[in-house]
Amino acid sequence: MGLTYRTYLEGTSIYGCAKCKTHLTTEEDIISTDFRGHHGQAFLFDKVVNISYGIAVDREMTTGLHRVRDVTCIQCSMLLGWTYVKAYNECNKYKEGKFILEKKLLSDITPRVLEEWL
């Protein structure tokens, strides 16, 4: 297996993998912060990069039955959350194609400029 191509993001706030700091998404892509995962609070994102997908499975969740795929970091393979493939309940259709990433598994990796250098 060769080198893995990774996308590097720009923005005011960049979220990365808590383990290896690989770029994943930005604050601008947050749809909702009102979700729960295995480790507590989770965010619903519109777009996520640098991930690998697991197989699609039907999973019963607090809002009903969904077909989901686990997502892992492309660099270190840490499980980060899941993506919604299909929502069987009409009121959950907005989740299809979106991503849940758990807050505890993310790191704010936004480049910071030291104030004394300004």
PDB file of N, CA and C in Angstrom:
ATOM      1  N   MET A   1       0.847  -1.178   0.000  1.00  0.00           N
ATOM      2  CA  MET A   1       0.000   0.000   0.000  1.00  0.00           C
ATOM      3  C   MET A   1       0.888   1.234   0.000  1.00  0.00           C
ATOM      4  N   GLY A   2       0.521   2.232  -0.817  1.00  0.00           N
ATOM      5  CA  GLY A   2       1.316   3.445  -0.940  1.00  0.00           C
ATOM      6  C   GLY A   2       0.944   4.497   0.084  1.00  0.00           C
ATOM      7  N   LEU A   3       1.406   5.700  -0.168  1.00  0.00           N
ATOM      8  CA  LEU A   3       1.103   6.818   0.705  1.00  0.00           C
ATOM      9  C   LEU A   3      -0.378   7.176   0.622  1.00  0.00           C
ATOM     10  N   THR A   4      -0.928   7.611   1.721  1.00  0.00           N
ATOM     11  CA  THR A   4      -2.310   8.031   1.764  1.00  0.00           C
ATOM     12  C   THR A   4      -2.382   9.529   1.505  1.00  0.00           C
ATOM     13  N   TYR A   5      -3.191   9.927   0.532  1.00  0.00           N
ATOM     14  CA  TYR A   5      -3.391  11.337   0.246  1.00  0.00           C
ATOM     15  C   TYR A   5      -4.328  11.922   1.298  1.00  0.00           C
ATOM     16  N   ARG A   6      -3.935  13.050   1.892  1.00  0.00           N
ATOM     17  CA  ARG A   6      -4.783  13.709   2.890  1.00  0.00           C
ATOM     18  C   ARG A   6      -5.104  15.122   2.446  1.00  0.00           C
ATOM     19  N   THR A   7      -6.304  15.547   2.756  1.00  0.00           N
ATOM     20  CA  THR A   7      -6.755  16.901   2.464  1.00  0.00           C
ATOM     21  C   THR A   7      -6.455  17.782   3.669  1.00  0.00           C
ATOM     22  N   TYR A   8      -5.918  18.963   3.409  1.00  0.00           N
ATOM     23  CA  TYR A   8      -5.663  19.932   4.472  1.00  0.00           C
ATOM     24  C   TYR A   8      -6.665  21.065   4.330  1.00  0.00           C
ATOM     25  N   LEU A   9      -7.313  21.401   5.440  1.00  0.00           N
ATOM     26  CA  LEU A   9      -8.395  22.376   5.437  1.00  0.00           C
ATOM     27  C   LEU A   9      -7.914  23.754   5.871  1.00  0.00           C
ATOM     28  N   GLU A  10      -8.646  24.759   5.443  1.00  0.00           N
ATOM     29  CA  GLU A  10      -8.429  26.131   5.888  1.00  0.00           C
ATOM     30  C   GLU A  10      -9.736  26.621   6.483  1.00  0.00           C
ATOM     31  N   GLY A  11      -9.638  27.539   7.420  1.00  0.00           N
ATOM     32  CA  GLY A  11     -10.837  28.098   8.016  1.00  0.00           C
ATOM     33  C   GLY A  11     -10.539  28.704   9.371  1.00  0.00           C
ATOM     34  N   THR A  12     -11.569  29.264   9.974  1.00  0.00           N
ATOM     35  CA  THR A  12     -11.397  29.916  11.273  1.00  0.00           C
ATOM     36  C   THR A  12     -11.281  28.914  12.407  1.00  0.00           C
ATOM     37  N   SER A  13     -11.846  27.721  12.218  1.00  0.00           N
ATOM     38  CA  SER A  13     -11.756  26.677  13.239  1.00  0.00           C
ATOM     39  C   SER A  13     -11.742  25.316  12.565  1.00  0.00           C
ATOM     40  N   ILE A  14     -10.638  24.597  12.719  1.00  0.00           N
ATOM     41  CA  ILE A  14     -10.457  23.290  12.081  1.00  0.00           C
ATOM     42  C   ILE A  14     -10.470  22.214  13.151  1.00  0.00           C
ATOM     43  N   TYR A  15     -11.249  21.160  12.900  1.00  0.00           N
ATOM     44  CA  TYR A  15     -11.292  20.024  13.810  1.00  0.00           C
ATOM     45  C   TYR A  15     -10.527  18.860  13.194  1.00  0.00           C
ATOM     46  N   GLY A  16      -9.726  18.191  14.027  1.00  0.00           N
ATOM     47  CA  GLY A  16      -8.946  17.059  13.571  1.00  0.00           C
ATOM     48  C   GLY A  16      -9.122  15.874  14.485  1.00  0.00           C
ATOM     49  N   CYS A  17      -8.526  14.782  14.111  1.00  0.00           N
ATOM     50  CA  CYS A  17      -8.520  13.560  14.913  1.00  0.00           C
ATOM     51  C   CYS A  17      -7.768  13.832  16.222  1.00  0.00           C
ATOM     52  N   ALA A  18      -8.356  13.446  17.334  1.00  0.00           N
ATOM     53  CA  ALA A  18      -7.723  13.681  18.640  1.00  0.00           C
ATOM     54  C   ALA A  18      -6.424  12.900  18.789  1.00  0.00           C
ATOM     55  N   LYS A  19      -6.289  11.796  18.079  1.00  0.00           N
ATOM     56  CA  LYS A  19      -5.096  10.958  18.220  1.00  0.00           C
ATOM     57  C   LYS A  19      -3.932  11.434  17.355  1.00  0.00           C
ATOM     58  N   CYS A  20      -4.189  11.724  16.071  1.00  0.00           N
ATOM     59  CA  CYS A  20      -3.083  12.043  15.159  1.00  0.00           C
ATOM     60  C   CYS A  20      -3.157  13.438  14.549  1.00  0.00           C
ATOM     61  N   LYS A  21      -4.219  14.180  14.851  1.00  0.00           N
ATOM     62  CA  LYS A  21      -4.395  15.566  14.388  1.00  0.00           C
ATOM     63  C   LYS A  21      -4.652  15.713  12.893  1.00  0.00           C
ATOM     64  N   THR A  22      -4.998  14.651  12.198  1.00  0.00           N
ATOM     65  CA  THR A  22      -5.353  14.742  10.784  1.00  0.00           C
ATOM     66  C   THR A  22      -6.599  15.610  10.634  1.00  0.00           C
ATOM     67  N   HIS A  23      -6.586  16.531   9.681  1.00  0.00           N
ATOM     68  CA  HIS A  23      -7.730  17.407   9.441  1.00  0.00           C
ATOM     69  C   HIS A  23      -8.966  16.584   9.073  1.00  0.00           C
ATOM     70  N   LEU A  24     -10.124  16.969   9.653  1.00  0.00           N
ATOM     71  CA  LEU A  24     -11.372  16.268   9.386  1.00  0.00           C
ATOM     72  C   LEU A  24     -12.476  17.182   8.867  1.00  0.00           C
ATOM     73  N   THR A  25     -12.670  18.330   9.507  1.00  0.00           N
ATOM     74  CA  THR A  25     -13.781  19.203   9.150  1.00  0.00           C
ATOM     75  C   THR A  25     -13.565  20.582   9.760  1.00  0.00           C
ATOM     76  N   THR A  26     -14.496  21.487   9.493  1.00  0.00           N
ATOM     77  CA  THR A  26     -14.408  22.843  10.024  1.00  0.00           C
ATOM     78  C   THR A  26     -15.673  23.206  10.789  1.00  0.00           C
ATOM     79  N   GLU A  27     -15.572  24.254  11.567  1.00  0.00           N
ATOM     80  CA  GLU A  27     -16.719  24.743  12.334  1.00  0.00           C
ATOM     81  C   GLU A  27     -17.866  25.148  11.403  1.00  0.00           C
ATOM     82  N   GLU A  28     -17.534  25.646  10.228  1.00  0.00           N
ATOM     83  CA  GLU A  28     -18.550  26.066   9.260  1.00  0.00           C
ATOM     84  C   GLU A  28     -19.422  24.901   8.789  1.00  0.00           C
ATOM     85  N   ASP A  29     -18.927  23.673   8.924  1.00  0.00           N
ATOM     86  CA  ASP A  29     -19.676  22.501   8.475  1.00  0.00           C
ATOM     87  C   ASP A  29     -20.567  21.890   9.561  1.00  0.00           C
ATOM     88  N   ILE A  30     -20.589  22.487  10.753  1.00  0.00           N
ATOM     89  CA  ILE A  30     -21.455  21.977  11.823  1.00  0.00           C
ATOM     90  C   ILE A  30     -22.907  22.328  11.495  1.00  0.00           C
ATOM     91  N   ILE A  31     -23.752  21.309  11.503  1.00  0.00           N
ATOM     92  CA  ILE A  31     -25.193  21.501  11.318  1.00  0.00           C
ATOM     93  C   ILE A  31     -25.877  21.592  12.679  1.00  0.00           C
ATOM     94  N   SER A  32     -25.447  20.720  13.616  1.00  0.00           N
ATOM     95  CA  SER A  32     -26.054  20.697  14.944  1.00  0.00           C
ATOM     96  C   SER A  32     -25.054  20.165  15.967  1.00  0.00           C
ATOM     97  N   THR A  33     -25.157  20.696  17.189  1.00  0.00           N
ATOM     98  CA  THR A  33     -24.339  20.209  18.302  1.00  0.00           C
ATOM     99  C   THR A  33     -25.194  19.419  19.289  1.00  0.00           C
ATOM    100  N   ASP A  34     -26.399  19.096  18.909  1.00  0.00           N
ATOM    101  CA  ASP A  34     -27.374  18.465  19.800  1.00  0.00           C
ATOM    102  C   ASP A  34     -27.500  16.964  19.546  1.00  0.00           C
ATOM    103  N   PHE A  35     -26.378  16.262  19.485  1.00  0.00           N
ATOM    104  CA  PHE A  35     -26.374  14.817  19.259  1.00  0.00           C
ATOM    105  C   PHE A  35     -25.558  14.132  20.344  1.00  0.00           C
ATOM    106  N   ARG A  36     -25.787  12.827  20.497  1.00  0.00           N
ATOM    107  CA  ARG A  36     -25.066  12.023  21.487  1.00  0.00           C
ATOM    108  C   ARG A  36     -24.421  10.841  20.776  1.00  0.00           C
ATOM    109  N   GLY A  37     -23.211  10.515  21.225  1.00  0.00           N
ATOM    110  CA  GLY A  37     -22.510   9.347  20.710  1.00  0.00           C
ATOM    111  C   GLY A  37     -22.175   8.409  21.851  1.00  0.00           C
ATOM    112  N   HIS A  38     -21.293   7.469  21.617  1.00  0.00           N
ATOM    113  CA  HIS A  38     -20.880   6.505  22.640  1.00  0.00           C
ATOM    114  C   HIS A  38     -20.131   7.180  23.784  1.00  0.00           C
ATOM    115  N   HIS A  39     -19.452   8.302  23.498  1.00  0.00           N
ATOM    116  CA  HIS A  39     -18.626   8.992  24.493  1.00  0.00           C
ATOM    117  C   HIS A  39     -19.212  10.324  24.945  1.00  0.00           C
ATOM    118  N   GLY A  40     -20.495  10.543  24.714  1.00  0.00           N
ATOM    119  CA  GLY A  40     -21.118  11.797  25.129  1.00  0.00           C
ATOM    120  C   GLY A  40     -21.503  12.658  23.942  1.00  0.00           C
ATOM    121  N   GLN A  41     -21.301  13.978  24.077  1.00  0.00           N
ATOM    122  CA  GLN A  41     -21.732  14.925  23.058  1.00  0.00           C
ATOM    123  C   GLN A  41     -21.099  14.628  21.704  1.00  0.00           C
ATOM    124  N   ALA A  42     -21.920  14.806  20.676  1.00  0.00           N
ATOM    125  CA  ALA A  42     -21.463  14.604  19.303  1.00  0.00           C
ATOM    126  C   ALA A  42     -22.051  15.710  18.430  1.00  0.00           C
ATOM    127  N   PHE A  43     -21.408  15.954  17.294  1.00  0.00           N
ATOM    128  CA  PHE A  43     -21.837  16.999  16.369  1.00  0.00           C
ATOM    129  C   PHE A  43     -22.267  16.377  15.050  1.00  0.00           C
ATOM    130  N   LEU A  44     -23.277  16.974  14.431  1.00  0.00           N
ATOM    131  CA  LEU A  44     -23.689  16.589  13.086  1.00  0.00           C
ATOM    132  C   LEU A  44     -23.000  17.533  12.102  1.00  0.00           C
ATOM    133  N   PHE A  45     -22.220  16.965  11.164  1.00  0.00           N
ATOM    134  CA  PHE A  45     -21.471  17.748  10.186  1.00  0.00           C
ATOM    135  C   PHE A  45     -21.988  17.489   8.781  1.00  0.00           C
ATOM    136  N   ASP A  46     -21.877  18.510   7.951  1.00  0.00           N
ATOM    137  CA  ASP A  46     -22.266  18.391   6.552  1.00  0.00           C
ATOM    138  C   ASP A  46     -21.186  17.685   5.739  1.00  0.00           C
ATOM    139  N   LYS A  47     -19.914  18.064   5.954  1.00  0.00           N
ATOM    140  CA  LYS A  47     -18.802  17.492   5.193  1.00  0.00           C
ATOM    141  C   LYS A  47     -17.666  17.089   6.121  1.00  0.00           C
ATOM    142  N   VAL A  48     -17.034  15.959   5.817  1.00  0.00           N
ATOM    143  CA  VAL A  48     -15.871  15.468   6.561  1.00  0.00           C
ATOM    144  C   VAL A  48     -14.892  14.888   5.538  1.00  0.00           C
ATOM    145  N   VAL A  49     -13.598  15.123   5.741  1.00  0.00           N
ATOM    146  CA  VAL A  49     -12.561  14.608   4.834  1.00  0.00           C
ATOM    147  C   VAL A  49     -11.619  13.687   5.610  1.00  0.00           C
ATOM    148  N   ASN A  50     -10.786  12.988   4.882  1.00  0.00           N
ATOM    149  CA  ASN A  50      -9.736  12.139   5.467  1.00  0.00           C
ATOM    150  C   ASN A  50     -10.283  11.033   6.359  1.00  0.00           C
ATOM    151  N   ILE A  51     -11.339  10.382   5.889  1.00  0.00           N
ATOM    152  CA  ILE A  51     -11.942   9.274   6.641  1.00  0.00           C
ATOM    153  C   ILE A  51     -12.067   8.040   5.762  1.00  0.00           C
ATOM    154  N   SER A  52     -12.174   6.897   6.419  1.00  0.00           N
ATOM    155  CA  SER A  52     -12.488   5.630   5.769  1.00  0.00           C
ATOM    156  C   SER A  52     -13.856   5.192   6.260  1.00  0.00           C
ATOM    157  N   TYR A  53     -14.550   4.440   5.432  1.00  0.00           N
ATOM    158  CA  TYR A  53     -15.904   4.002   5.749  1.00  0.00           C
ATOM    159  C   TYR A  53     -15.953   2.514   6.054  1.00  0.00           C
ATOM    160  N   GLY A  54     -16.758   2.161   7.067  1.00  0.00           N
ATOM    161  CA  GLY A  54     -17.046   0.762   7.358  1.00  0.00           C
ATOM    162  C   GLY A  54     -18.201   0.293   6.488  1.00  0.00           C
ATOM    163  N   ILE A  55     -18.634  -0.923   6.715  1.00  0.00           N
ATOM    164  CA  ILE A  55     -19.763  -1.465   5.951  1.00  0.00           C
ATOM    165  C   ILE A  55     -21.070  -0.866   6.467  1.00  0.00           C
ATOM    166  N   ALA A  56     -22.053  -0.769   5.601  1.00  0.00           N
ATOM    167  CA  ALA A  56     -23.361  -0.224   5.978  1.00  0.00           C
ATOM    168  C   ALA A  56     -24.141  -1.269   6.766  1.00  0.00           C
ATOM    169  N   VAL A  57     -24.670  -0.853   7.908  1.00  0.00           N
ATOM    170  CA  VAL A  57     -25.487  -1.732   8.751  1.00  0.00           C
ATOM    171  C   VAL A  57     -26.687  -0.950   9.262  1.00  0.00           C
ATOM    172  N   ASP A  58     -27.778  -1.668   9.514  1.00  0.00           N
ATOM    173  CA  ASP A  58     -28.936  -1.044  10.152  1.00  0.00           C
ATOM    174  C   ASP A  58     -28.688  -1.003  11.648  1.00  0.00           C
ATOM    175  N   ARG A  59     -28.910   0.178  12.249  1.00  0.00           N
ATOM    176  CA  ARG A  59     -28.650   0.357  13.673  1.00  0.00           C
ATOM    177  C   ARG A  59     -29.821   1.107  14.299  1.00  0.00           C
ATOM    178  N   GLU A  60     -30.346   0.562  15.387  1.00  0.00           N
ATOM    179  CA  GLU A  60     -31.406   1.225  16.134  1.00  0.00           C
ATOM    180  C   GLU A  60     -30.774   2.303  17.000  1.00  0.00           C
ATOM    181  N   MET A  61     -31.257   3.542  16.836  1.00  0.00           N
ATOM    182  CA  MET A  61     -30.734   4.676  17.593  1.00  0.00           C
ATOM    183  C   MET A  61     -31.880   5.336  18.346  1.00  0.00           C
ATOM    184  N   THR A  62     -31.581   6.347  19.129  1.00  0.00           N
ATOM    185  CA  THR A  62     -32.627   6.994  19.929  1.00  0.00           C
ATOM    186  C   THR A  62     -33.727   7.601  19.070  1.00  0.00           C
ATOM    187  N   THR A  63     -33.414   7.976  17.826  1.00  0.00           N
ATOM    188  CA  THR A  63     -34.419   8.563  16.939  1.00  0.00           C
ATOM    189  C   THR A  63     -34.999   7.562  15.951  1.00  0.00           C
ATOM    190  N   GLY A  64     -34.709   6.282  16.141  1.00  0.00           N
ATOM    191  CA  GLY A  64     -35.272   5.255  15.265  1.00  0.00           C
ATOM    192  C   GLY A  64     -34.207   4.476  14.519  1.00  0.00           C
ATOM    193  N   LEU A  65     -34.665   3.688  13.564  1.00  0.00           N
ATOM    194  CA  LEU A  65     -33.791   2.821  12.788  1.00  0.00           C
ATOM    195  C   LEU A  65     -33.131   3.619  11.656  1.00  0.00           C
ATOM    196  N   HIS A  66     -31.819   3.460  11.529  1.00  0.00           N
ATOM    197  CA  HIS A  66     -31.047   4.112  10.473  1.00  0.00           C
ATOM    198  C   HIS A  66     -30.058   3.110   9.890  1.00  0.00           C
ATOM    199  N   ARG A  67     -29.749   3.278   8.607  1.00  0.00           N
ATOM    200  CA  ARG A  67     -28.625   2.550   8.017  1.00  0.00           C
ATOM    201  C   ARG A  67     -27.423   3.489   8.114  1.00  0.00           C
ATOM    202  N   VAL A  68     -26.341   3.018   8.753  1.00  0.00           N
ATOM    203  CA  VAL A  68     -25.165   3.846   9.004  1.00  0.00           C
ATOM    204  C   VAL A  68     -23.887   3.108   8.612  1.00  0.00           C
ATOM    205  N   ARG A  69     -22.826   3.869   8.464  1.00  0.00           N
ATOM    206  CA  ARG A  69     -21.484   3.324   8.249  1.00  0.00           C
ATOM    207  C   ARG A  69     -20.568   4.002   9.246  1.00  0.00           C
ATOM    208  N   ASP A  70     -19.795   3.224   9.980  1.00  0.00           N
ATOM    209  CA  ASP A  70     -18.807   3.812  10.882  1.00  0.00           C
ATOM    210  C   ASP A  70     -17.760   4.533  10.044  1.00  0.00           C
ATOM    211  N   VAL A  71     -17.211   5.620  10.607  1.00  0.00           N
ATOM    212  CA  VAL A  71     -16.130   6.342   9.930  1.00  0.00           C
ATOM    213  C   VAL A  71     -14.911   6.355  10.845  1.00  0.00           C
ATOM    214  N   THR A  72     -13.747   6.129  10.237  1.00  0.00           N
ATOM    215  CA  THR A  72     -12.483   6.108  10.968  1.00  0.00           C
ATOM    216  C   THR A  72     -11.508   7.077  10.317  1.00  0.00           C
ATOM    217  N   CYS A  73     -10.530   7.506  11.085  1.00  0.00           N
ATOM    218  CA  CYS A  73      -9.480   8.391  10.580  1.00  0.00           C
ATOM    219  C   CYS A  73      -8.651   7.639   9.542  1.00  0.00           C
ATOM    220  N   ILE A  74      -8.400   8.276   8.417  1.00  0.00           N
ATOM    221  CA  ILE A  74      -7.638   7.641   7.337  1.00  0.00           C
ATOM    222  C   ILE A  74      -6.170   7.442   7.718  1.00  0.00           C
ATOM    223  N   GLN A  75      -5.678   8.239   8.661  1.00  0.00           N
ATOM    224  CA  GLN A  75      -4.264   8.168   9.056  1.00  0.00           C
ATOM    225  C   GLN A  75      -4.011   7.112  10.147  1.00  0.00           C
ATOM    226  N   CYS A  76      -4.802   7.160  11.232  1.00  0.00           N
ATOM    227  CA  CYS A  76      -4.516   6.287  12.382  1.00  0.00           C
ATOM    228  C   CYS A  76      -5.600   5.231  12.648  1.00  0.00           C
ATOM    229  N   SER A  77      -6.672   5.242  11.868  1.00  0.00           N
ATOM    230  CA  SER A  77      -7.766   4.263  11.950  1.00  0.00           C
ATOM    231  C   SER A  77      -8.606   4.353  13.219  1.00  0.00           C
ATOM    232  N   MET A  78      -8.535   5.462  13.959  1.00  0.00           N
ATOM    233  CA  MET A  78      -9.366   5.607  15.151  1.00  0.00           C
ATOM    234  C   MET A  78     -10.828   5.812  14.737  1.00  0.00           C
ATOM    235  N   LEU A  79     -11.738   5.095  15.405  1.00  0.00           N
ATOM    236  CA  LEU A  79     -13.161   5.258  15.172  1.00  0.00           C
ATOM    237  C   LEU A  79     -13.573   6.646  15.637  1.00  0.00           C
ATOM    238  N   LEU A  80     -14.211   7.425  14.755  1.00  0.00           N
ATOM    239  CA  LEU A  80     -14.577   8.809  15.051  1.00  0.00           C
ATOM    240  C   LEU A  80     -16.078   9.017  15.199  1.00  0.00           C
ATOM    241  N   GLY A  81     -16.866   8.171  14.552  1.00  0.00           N
ATOM    242  CA  GLY A  81     -18.321   8.335  14.560  1.00  0.00           C
ATOM    243  C   GLY A  81     -18.937   7.519  13.441  1.00  0.00           C
ATOM    244  N   TRP A  82     -19.944   8.093  12.784  1.00  0.00           N
ATOM    245  CA  TRP A  82     -20.623   7.380  11.717  1.00  0.00           C
ATOM    246  C   TRP A  82     -21.240   8.367  10.734  1.00  0.00           C
ATOM    247  N   THR A  83     -21.642   7.836   9.584  1.00  0.00           N
ATOM    248  CA  THR A  83     -22.388   8.611   8.600  1.00  0.00           C
ATOM    249  C   THR A  83     -23.730   7.928   8.376  1.00  0.00           C
ATOM    250  N   TYR A  84     -24.739   8.737   8.130  1.00  0.00           N
ATOM    251  CA  TYR A  84     -26.081   8.219   7.875  1.00  0.00           C
ATOM    252  C   TYR A  84     -26.228   7.915   6.394  1.00  0.00           C
ATOM    253  N   VAL A  85     -26.499   6.659   6.084  1.00  0.00           N
ATOM    254  CA  VAL A  85     -26.729   6.239   4.705  1.00  0.00           C
ATOM    255  C   VAL A  85     -28.209   6.371   4.375  1.00  0.00           C
ATOM    256  N   LYS A  86     -29.059   5.928   5.311  1.00  0.00           N
ATOM    257  CA  LYS A  86     -30.508   5.955   5.084  1.00  0.00           C
ATOM    258  C   LYS A  86     -31.219   6.143   6.412  1.00  0.00           C
ATOM    259  N   ALA A  87     -32.215   7.008   6.401  1.00  0.00           N
ATOM    260  CA  ALA A  87     -33.093   7.177   7.558  1.00  0.00           C
ATOM    261  C   ALA A  87     -34.445   6.583   7.164  1.00  0.00           C
ATOM    262  N   TYR A  88     -34.939   5.659   7.949  1.00  0.00           N
ATOM    263  CA  TYR A  88     -36.195   4.999   7.619  1.00  0.00           C
ATOM    264  C   TYR A  88     -37.409   5.828   8.026  1.00  0.00           C
ATOM    265  N   ASN A  89     -37.212   6.787   8.916  1.00  0.00           N
ATOM    266  CA  ASN A  89     -38.280   7.670   9.366  1.00  0.00           C
ATOM    267  C   ASN A  89     -38.193   8.970   8.565  1.00  0.00           C
ATOM    268  N   GLU A  90     -39.298   9.412   8.029  1.00  0.00           N
ATOM    269  CA  GLU A  90     -39.317  10.605   7.171  1.00  0.00           C
ATOM    270  C   GLU A  90     -38.740  11.851   7.860  1.00  0.00           C
ATOM    271  N   CYS A  91     -38.993  12.013   9.151  1.00  0.00           N
ATOM    272  CA  CYS A  91     -38.523  13.224   9.847  1.00  0.00           C
ATOM    273  C   CYS A  91     -37.009  13.219  10.076  1.00  0.00           C
ATOM    274  N   ASN A  92     -36.345  12.104   9.806  1.00  0.00           N
ATOM    275  CA  ASN A  92     -34.887  12.021   9.955  1.00  0.00           C
ATOM    276  C   ASN A  92     -34.141  12.022   8.623  1.00  0.00           C
ATOM    277  N   LYS A  93     -34.837  12.207   7.521  1.00  0.00           N
ATOM    278  CA  LYS A  93     -34.218  12.174   6.188  1.00  0.00           C
ATOM    279  C   LYS A  93     -33.118  13.228   6.028  1.00  0.00           C
ATOM    280  N   TYR A  94     -33.195  14.346   6.768  1.00  0.00           N
ATOM    281  CA  TYR A  94     -32.186  15.405   6.656  1.00  0.00           C
ATOM    282  C   TYR A  94     -30.795  14.919   7.071  1.00  0.00           C
ATOM    283  N   LYS A  95     -30.720  13.797   7.797  1.00  0.00           N
ATOM    284  CA  LYS A  95     -29.437  13.264   8.260  1.00  0.00           C
ATOM    285  C   LYS A  95     -28.698  12.472   7.180  1.00  0.00           C
ATOM    286  N   GLU A  96     -29.402  12.044   6.164  1.00  0.00           N
ATOM    287  CA  GLU A  96     -28.788  11.219   5.129  1.00  0.00           C
ATOM    288  C   GLU A  96     -27.622  11.940   4.464  1.00  0.00           C
ATOM    289  N   GLY A  97     -26.487  11.257   4.380  1.00  0.00           N
ATOM    290  CA  GLY A  97     -25.283  11.831   3.787  1.00  0.00           C
ATOM    291  C   GLY A  97     -24.497  12.726   4.730  1.00  0.00           C
ATOM    292  N   LYS A  98     -24.971  12.869   5.966  1.00  0.00           N
ATOM    293  CA  LYS A  98     -24.299  13.706   6.964  1.00  0.00           C
ATOM    294  C   LYS A  98     -23.486  12.823   7.916  1.00  0.00           C
ATOM    295  N   PHE A  99     -22.674  13.455   8.753  1.00  0.00           N
ATOM    296  CA  PHE A  99     -21.725  12.741   9.602  1.00  0.00           C
ATOM    297  C   PHE A  99     -21.897  13.113  11.071  1.00  0.00           C
ATOM    298  N   ILE A 100     -21.812  12.120  11.936  1.00  0.00           N
ATOM    299  CA  ILE A 100     -21.740  12.340  13.381  1.00  0.00           C
ATOM    300  C   ILE A 100     -20.301  12.076  13.804  1.00  0.00           C
ATOM    301  N   LEU A 101     -19.672  13.094  14.405  1.00  0.00           N
ATOM    302  CA  LEU A 101     -18.342  12.933  14.989  1.00  0.00           C
ATOM    303  C   LEU A 101     -18.450  13.256  16.466  1.00  0.00           C
ATOM    304  N   GLU A 102     -17.843  12.421  17.292  1.00  0.00           N
ATOM    305  CA  GLU A 102     -17.933  12.598  18.736  1.00  0.00           C
ATOM    306  C   GLU A 102     -16.924  13.638  19.224  1.00  0.00           C
ATOM    307  N   LYS A 103     -17.405  14.572  20.027  1.00  0.00           N
ATOM    308  CA  LYS A 103     -16.583  15.680  20.508  1.00  0.00           C
ATOM    309  C   LYS A 103     -15.312  15.202  21.193  1.00  0.00           C
ATOM    310  N   LYS A 104     -15.416  14.151  21.995  1.00  0.00           N
ATOM    311  CA  LYS A 104     -14.261  13.632  22.740  1.00  0.00           C
ATOM    312  C   LYS A 104     -13.166  13.096  21.812  1.00  0.00           C
ATOM    313  N   LEU A 105     -13.531  12.755  20.602  1.00  0.00           N
ATOM    314  CA  LEU A 105     -12.587  12.172  19.653  1.00  0.00           C
ATOM    315  C   LEU A 105     -12.023  13.205  18.672  1.00  0.00           C
ATOM    316  N   LEU A 106     -12.396  14.479  18.881  1.00  0.00           N
ATOM    317  CA  LEU A 106     -11.931  15.569  18.031  1.00  0.00           C
ATOM    318  C   LEU A 106     -10.964  16.462  18.785  1.00  0.00           C
ATOM    319  N   SER A 107     -10.140  17.156  18.028  1.00  0.00           N
ATOM    320  CA  SER A 107      -9.209  18.116  18.594  1.00  0.00           C
ATOM    321  C   SER A 107      -9.290  19.397  17.762  1.00  0.00           C
ATOM    322  N   ASP A 108      -9.325  20.560  18.426  1.00  0.00           N
ATOM    323  CA  ASP A 108      -9.286  21.833  17.713  1.00  0.00           C
ATOM    324  C   ASP A 108      -7.833  22.061  17.289  1.00  0.00           C
ATOM    325  N   ILE A 109      -7.581  21.996  16.005  1.00  0.00           N
ATOM    326  CA  ILE A 109      -6.207  22.115  15.507  1.00  0.00           C
ATOM    327  C   ILE A 109      -6.019  23.370  14.663  1.00  0.00           C
ATOM    328  N   THR A 110      -6.867  24.363  14.897  1.00  0.00           N
ATOM    329  CA  THR A 110      -6.757  25.624  14.167  1.00  0.00           C
ATOM    330  C   THR A 110      -5.393  26.246  14.434  1.00  0.00           C
ATOM    331  N   PRO A 111      -4.679  26.626  13.375  1.00  0.00           N
ATOM    332  CA  PRO A 111      -3.391  27.300  13.585  1.00  0.00           C
ATOM    333  C   PRO A 111      -3.604  28.608  14.347  1.00  0.00           C
ATOM    334  N   ARG A 112      -2.812  28.837  15.359  1.00  0.00           N
ATOM    335  CA  ARG A 112      -2.920  30.048  16.177  1.00  0.00           C
ATOM    336  C   ARG A 112      -1.640  30.866  16.039  1.00  0.00           C
ATOM    337  N   VAL A 113      -1.799  32.158  15.969  1.00  0.00           N
ATOM    338  CA  VAL A 113      -0.662  33.071  15.943  1.00  0.00           C
ATOM    339  C   VAL A 113      -0.495  33.618  17.353  1.00  0.00           C
ATOM    340  N   LEU A 114       0.707  33.549  17.885  1.00  0.00           N
ATOM    341  CA  LEU A 114       0.947  34.071  19.234  1.00  0.00           C
ATOM    342  C   LEU A 114       0.734  35.573  19.249  1.00  0.00           C
ATOM    343  N   GLU A 115      -0.042  36.057  20.225  1.00  0.00           N
ATOM    344  CA  GLU A 115      -0.392  37.469  20.286  1.00  0.00           C
ATOM    345  C   GLU A 115       0.830  38.379  20.404  1.00  0.00           C
ATOM    346  N   GLU A 116       1.865  37.921  21.107  1.00  0.00           N
ATOM    347  CA  GLU A 116       3.042  38.779  21.272  1.00  0.00           C
ATOM    348  C   GLU A 116       3.801  38.982  19.960  1.00  0.00           C
ATOM    349  N   TRP A 117       3.528  38.192  18.952  1.00  0.00           N
ATOM    350  CA  TRP A 117       4.200  38.336  17.667  1.00  0.00           C
ATOM    351  C   TRP A 117       3.488  39.339  16.769  1.00  0.00           C
ATOM    352  N   LEU A 118       2.292  39.747  17.159  1.00  0.00           N
ATOM    353  CA  LEU A 118       1.513  40.688  16.310  1.00  0.00           C
ATOM    354  C   LEU A 118       1.962  42.103  16.463  1.00  0.00           C
TER     355      LEU A 118
END
